[in-house]
Protein backbone atom coordinates (compact mmCIF):
# COMPACT_ATOMS: atom_id res chain seq x y z
CA MET A 1 -19.94 0.43 -7.03
CA ASP A 2 -16.18 0.13 -6.71
CA ARG A 3 -14.70 2.93 -4.71
CA ARG A 4 -11.02 4.13 -4.45
CA TYR A 5 -9.01 3.43 -1.46
CA GLU A 6 -5.47 3.96 -0.53
CA THR A 7 -3.43 1.85 2.19
CA VAL A 8 0.02 2.35 3.63
CA PHE A 9 1.46 -0.57 5.54
CA ILE A 10 4.85 -0.94 7.45
CA MET A 11 6.48 -4.21 7.29
CA THR A 12 9.00 -5.38 9.83
CA PRO A 13 12.55 -4.34 8.94
CA VAL A 14 13.97 -7.87 9.31
CA LEU A 15 12.37 -9.13 6.06
CA SER A 16 14.40 -10.21 3.04
CA ASP A 17 13.49 -8.60 -0.55
CA VAL A 18 11.81 -11.92 -1.23
CA GLN A 19 9.66 -11.85 1.69
CA MET A 20 8.69 -8.35 1.24
CA LYS A 21 7.68 -8.94 -2.25
CA GLU A 22 5.58 -12.01 -1.20
CA ALA A 23 3.84 -10.10 1.63
CA VAL A 24 2.99 -7.24 -0.85
CA GLN A 25 1.67 -9.95 -3.46
CA LYS A 26 -0.41 -11.59 -0.87
CA PHE A 27 -2.32 -8.25 -0.46
CA LYS A 28 -2.47 -7.53 -4.05
CA ASP A 29 -3.90 -11.01 -4.63
CA LEU A 30 -6.51 -10.67 -1.96
CA ILE A 31 -7.63 -7.30 -3.63
CA GLU A 32 -7.71 -8.72 -7.20
CA SER A 33 -9.52 -12.05 -6.15
CA SER A 34 -12.30 -9.64 -4.64
CA ASN A 35 -12.82 -8.26 -8.14
CA GLY A 36 -10.69 -5.32 -7.16
CA LYS A 37 -7.87 -3.58 -9.07
CA VAL A 38 -4.68 -2.21 -7.89
CA VAL A 39 -4.25 1.30 -9.52
CA HIS A 40 -0.94 2.28 -8.12
CA GLU A 41 1.60 1.17 -5.76
CA GLU A 42 4.93 2.56 -4.27
CA HIS A 43 7.69 0.94 -2.38
CA TRP A 44 8.96 3.67 -0.21
CA GLY A 45 11.71 1.54 1.42
CA LEU A 46 13.18 1.34 4.81
CA ARG A 47 12.38 4.33 6.91
CA LYS A 48 12.66 5.57 10.58
CA LEU A 49 9.55 5.26 12.50
CA ALA A 50 8.24 8.16 14.64
CA TYR A 51 8.35 6.11 17.64
CA PRO A 52 9.12 2.49 18.40
CA ILE A 53 6.55 -0.16 17.52
CA GLN A 54 7.06 -3.64 18.73
CA LYS A 55 10.69 -2.56 19.80
CA LYS A 56 11.36 -1.80 16.26
CA THR A 57 12.63 1.81 15.09
CA THR A 58 12.62 1.35 11.45
CA GLY A 59 10.23 -0.44 8.81
CA PHE A 60 9.57 -0.96 5.16
CA TYR A 61 6.72 1.44 3.86
CA HIS A 62 4.47 0.26 1.00
CA LEU A 63 1.59 2.37 -0.46
CA MET A 64 -1.11 0.77 -2.52
CA GLU A 65 -3.93 2.65 -4.35
CA PHE A 66 -6.88 0.36 -5.51
CA ASP A 67 -10.57 0.18 -6.56
CA VAL A 68 -12.69 -2.42 -4.68
CA ASP A 69 -16.06 -2.96 -3.04
CA PRO A 70 -16.16 -1.68 0.45
CA GLU A 71 -17.01 -4.95 2.03
CA VAL A 72 -13.39 -6.11 0.93
CA ILE A 73 -11.70 -3.51 3.18
CA GLN A 74 -12.74 -5.58 6.35
CA LYS A 75 -11.08 -8.80 4.95
CA LEU A 76 -8.04 -6.76 3.85
CA GLU A 77 -7.50 -5.28 7.32
CA THR A 78 -8.09 -8.65 9.02
CA ALA A 79 -5.28 -10.11 6.78
CA TYR A 80 -3.06 -7.19 7.73
CA ARG A 81 -3.69 -7.95 11.56
CA ARG A 82 -3.19 -11.63 11.12
CA ASP A 83 0.27 -11.20 9.10
CA GLU A 84 3.14 -11.10 11.61
CA ARG A 85 5.24 -9.24 9.00
CA ILE A 86 2.87 -6.16 9.06
CA ILE A 87 3.53 -3.85 12.10
CA ARG A 88 1.16 -0.90 11.18
CA PHE A 89 -1.33 -0.12 8.63
CA LEU A 90 -3.82 2.50 7.73
CA THR A 91 -6.42 2.38 4.96
CA PHE A 92 -8.66 5.20 3.95
CA LYS A 93 -11.30 5.94 1.26
CA MET A 94 -10.05 8.66 -1.27
CA GLU A 95 -12.28 11.57 -2.01
CA LYS A 96 -12.58 12.81 -5.48
CA TYR A 97 -10.00 15.55 -4.92
CA ALA A 98 -7.35 12.96 -3.54
CA ILE A 99 -7.98 10.85 -6.62
CA GLU A 100 -7.51 13.90 -8.96
CA TYR A 101 -4.35 14.97 -7.02
CA SER A 102 -2.84 11.36 -7.28
CA GLU A 103 -3.72 11.08 -10.98
CA LYS A 104 -1.89 14.50 -11.67
CA LYS A 105 1.09 13.45 -9.57
CA LYS A 106 1.41 9.99 -11.45
CA SER A 107 1.39 11.98 -14.80
CA ARG A 108 3.85 14.45 -13.74
CA ASN A 109 6.15 11.58 -12.56
CA ALA A 110 5.61 9.83 -16.02
CA GLU A 111 6.58 13.02 -17.87
CA LYS A 112 9.78 13.13 -15.79
CA VAL A 113 10.70 9.74 -16.54
CA GLU A 114 10.07 10.45 -20.39
CA GLU A 115 12.39 13.70 -20.12
CA GLU A 116 15.22 11.62 -18.54
CA LYS A 117 15.22 9.15 -21.45
């Protein structure tokens, strides 16, 4: 049975837009090739880090929410560790309340976008 996971990863701030998109696509492809499905993603942009990591004080944050078999998480996290563009990541399993909250938040955001049109 597929489970819902959420991962946030921080990419090094020296990347170009193309390099960032390539990195994100690499992880999306890994999920999709493992019969997973990316449900939602957000690019949070360049943010200041709470503390320096590898002598860097900023990084590009990206969030992905996806459904996948639990065995795939190990492969995904290994890919994060091997990719020199990723300086930190955190993946966790979403409980049903977190999934409900996420769905409500997405529907509210969609309503706001409709109102602005």
